[in-house]
Amino acid sequence: MKIWKLVAGILTIVFFIIVAFRSCAAGVVNALEENGGSSGSAGIIVAILMLAGGIVSIATRKSAGKGGNIALIIIFGLAALIGFAGHGNYSDLVIWSGWCLINAAVAVIAIVTGKKKTEVTNDESQ
């Protein structure tokens, strides 16, 4: 999971740049068309959460505790929820929300498999 967290963190930070610029463009389109859409704002929030999640993913890649994975589940889960709910005319936001959902799922898997490894280690030491 250490390699996945590093790779996902770096990719997420790179994706942050893309999502942020595209969200700004979607916000401008919403403002110019006066259509009342909020997909640009939702995209900016998702981008900020993606940046935070990428930084947390890189920072906690070597930690043995569950705290980093719980933080990733909350950050990426919230980003996915906001992205899926507010994509509007910015349909690419669904793709980035899917990426966030994948990262949250991998963090859940890391918690589950980490618990099993801890139980096996405790059984072997007795």
Protein backbone atom coordinates (compact mmCIF):
# COMPACT_ATOMS: atom_id res chain seq x y z
CA MET A 1 0.00 0.00 0.00
CA LYS A 2 2.99 2.33 0.48
CA ILE A 3 3.64 2.47 -3.25
CA TRP A 4 -0.04 2.97 -4.03
CA LYS A 5 -0.29 5.86 -1.60
CA LEU A 6 2.76 7.56 -3.11
CA VAL A 7 1.62 7.09 -6.71
CA ALA A 8 -1.99 8.03 -5.95
CA GLY A 9 -0.85 11.08 -4.00
CA ILE A 10 1.35 12.34 -6.83
CA LEU A 11 -1.32 11.66 -9.47
CA THR A 12 -3.97 13.34 -7.35
CA ILE A 13 -1.85 16.47 -6.95
CA VAL A 14 -1.33 16.56 -10.73
CA PHE A 15 -5.06 16.01 -11.26
CA PHE A 16 -5.73 18.89 -8.84
CA ILE A 17 -4.16 21.30 -11.34
CA ILE A 18 -6.33 19.99 -14.17
CA VAL A 19 -9.53 19.99 -12.12
CA ALA A 20 -8.88 23.47 -10.74
CA PHE A 21 -8.36 25.05 -14.17
CA ARG A 22 -11.31 23.25 -15.72
CA SER A 23 -13.51 24.17 -12.77
CA CYS A 24 -12.59 27.81 -13.18
CA ALA A 25 -13.54 27.57 -16.84
CA ALA A 26 -16.84 25.88 -15.96
CA GLY A 27 -17.53 28.63 -13.42
CA VAL A 28 -16.91 31.30 -16.04
CA VAL A 29 -19.25 29.53 -18.45
CA ASN A 30 -21.92 29.30 -15.74
CA ALA A 31 -21.55 33.02 -15.05
CA LEU A 32 -21.62 34.05 -18.72
CA GLU A 33 -24.62 31.88 -19.55
CA GLU A 34 -26.38 32.93 -16.35
CA ASN A 35 -27.81 29.44 -16.11
CA GLY A 36 -27.62 29.24 -12.32
CA GLY A 37 -25.24 26.28 -12.45
CA SER A 38 -22.82 25.61 -9.64
CA SER A 39 -20.63 22.96 -11.22
CA GLY A 40 -17.63 25.28 -11.30
CA SER A 41 -17.87 25.89 -7.57
CA ALA A 42 -18.32 22.19 -6.88
CA GLY A 43 -15.27 21.50 -9.04
CA ILE A 44 -13.14 23.96 -7.07
CA ILE A 45 -14.17 22.29 -3.81
CA VAL A 46 -13.37 18.86 -5.26
CA ALA A 47 -10.00 20.16 -6.48
CA ILE A 48 -9.10 21.52 -3.04
CA LEU A 49 -10.12 18.25 -1.41
CA MET A 50 -8.07 16.35 -4.01
CA LEU A 51 -5.02 18.44 -3.15
CA ALA A 52 -5.54 17.79 0.56
CA GLY A 53 -6.05 14.08 -0.06
CA GLY A 54 -2.92 13.86 -2.21
CA ILE A 55 -0.82 15.54 0.46
CA VAL A 56 -2.25 13.31 3.21
CA SER A 57 -1.68 10.24 1.04
CA ILE A 58 1.98 11.08 0.53
CA ALA A 59 2.53 12.13 4.14
CA THR A 60 0.98 8.98 5.67
CA ARG A 61 2.32 6.38 3.28
CA LYS A 62 4.76 4.95 5.84
CA SER A 63 2.55 5.17 8.92
CA ALA A 64 1.38 1.92 10.48
CA GLY A 65 -1.74 3.37 12.13
CA LYS A 66 -5.23 3.70 10.77
CA GLY A 67 -5.49 7.47 11.22
CA GLY A 68 -4.08 8.36 7.81
CA ASN A 69 -6.39 5.94 6.04
CA ILE A 70 -9.40 7.25 7.94
CA ALA A 71 -8.47 10.79 6.94
CA LEU A 72 -8.17 9.66 3.30
CA ILE A 73 -11.59 8.00 3.43
CA ILE A 74 -13.16 11.18 4.78
CA ILE A 75 -11.37 13.56 2.38
CA PHE A 76 -11.78 11.50 -0.79
CA GLY A 77 -15.28 10.35 0.17
CA LEU A 78 -16.40 13.93 0.67
CA ALA A 79 -14.80 14.97 -2.63
CA ALA A 80 -16.57 12.12 -4.45
CA LEU A 81 -19.90 12.99 -2.86
CA ILE A 82 -19.63 16.68 -3.74
CA GLY A 83 -18.45 15.89 -7.27
CA PHE A 84 -21.20 13.39 -8.05
CA ALA A 85 -23.87 15.65 -6.57
CA GLY A 86 -22.80 18.90 -8.20
CA HIS A 87 -21.38 18.06 -11.61
CA GLY A 88 -24.09 19.90 -13.60
CA ASN A 89 -22.74 21.04 -16.98
CA TYR A 90 -19.16 20.13 -16.00
CA SER A 91 -19.50 16.45 -16.84
CA ASP A 92 -15.77 15.71 -16.42
CA LEU A 93 -16.28 16.18 -12.71
CA VAL A 94 -17.85 12.71 -12.64
CA ILE A 95 -14.50 11.25 -13.77
CA TRP A 96 -12.56 13.07 -11.06
CA SER A 97 -15.17 12.07 -8.49
CA GLY A 98 -14.71 8.47 -9.60
CA TRP A 99 -10.95 8.82 -9.01
CA CYS A 100 -11.67 10.11 -5.51
CA LEU A 101 -14.04 7.21 -4.87
CA ILE A 102 -11.34 4.73 -5.97
CA ASN A 103 -8.86 6.32 -3.56
CA ALA A 104 -11.37 6.15 -0.71
CA ALA A 105 -12.04 2.47 -1.51
CA VAL A 106 -8.32 1.67 -1.51
CA ALA A 107 -8.00 3.35 1.90
CA VAL A 108 -10.83 1.13 3.19
CA ILE A 109 -9.02 -1.92 1.78
CA ALA A 110 -5.80 -0.78 3.47
CA ILE A 111 -7.58 -0.60 6.84
CA VAL A 112 -9.14 -4.04 6.40
CA THR A 113 -5.94 -5.74 5.24
CA GLY A 114 -3.89 -3.88 7.85
CA LYS A 115 -6.13 -5.25 10.58
CA LYS A 116 -5.63 -8.80 9.32
CA LYS A 117 -1.86 -8.35 9.21
CA THR A 118 -1.89 -7.08 12.78
CA GLU A 119 -3.93 -10.08 13.94
CA VAL A 120 -1.53 -12.50 12.21
CA THR A 121 1.49 -10.77 13.74
CA ASN A 122 -0.05 -10.90 17.21
CA ASP A 123 -0.88 -14.61 16.82
CA GLU A 124 2.68 -15.41 15.71
CA SER A 125 4.27 -13.55 18.63
CA GLN A 126 2.34 -15.55 21.24
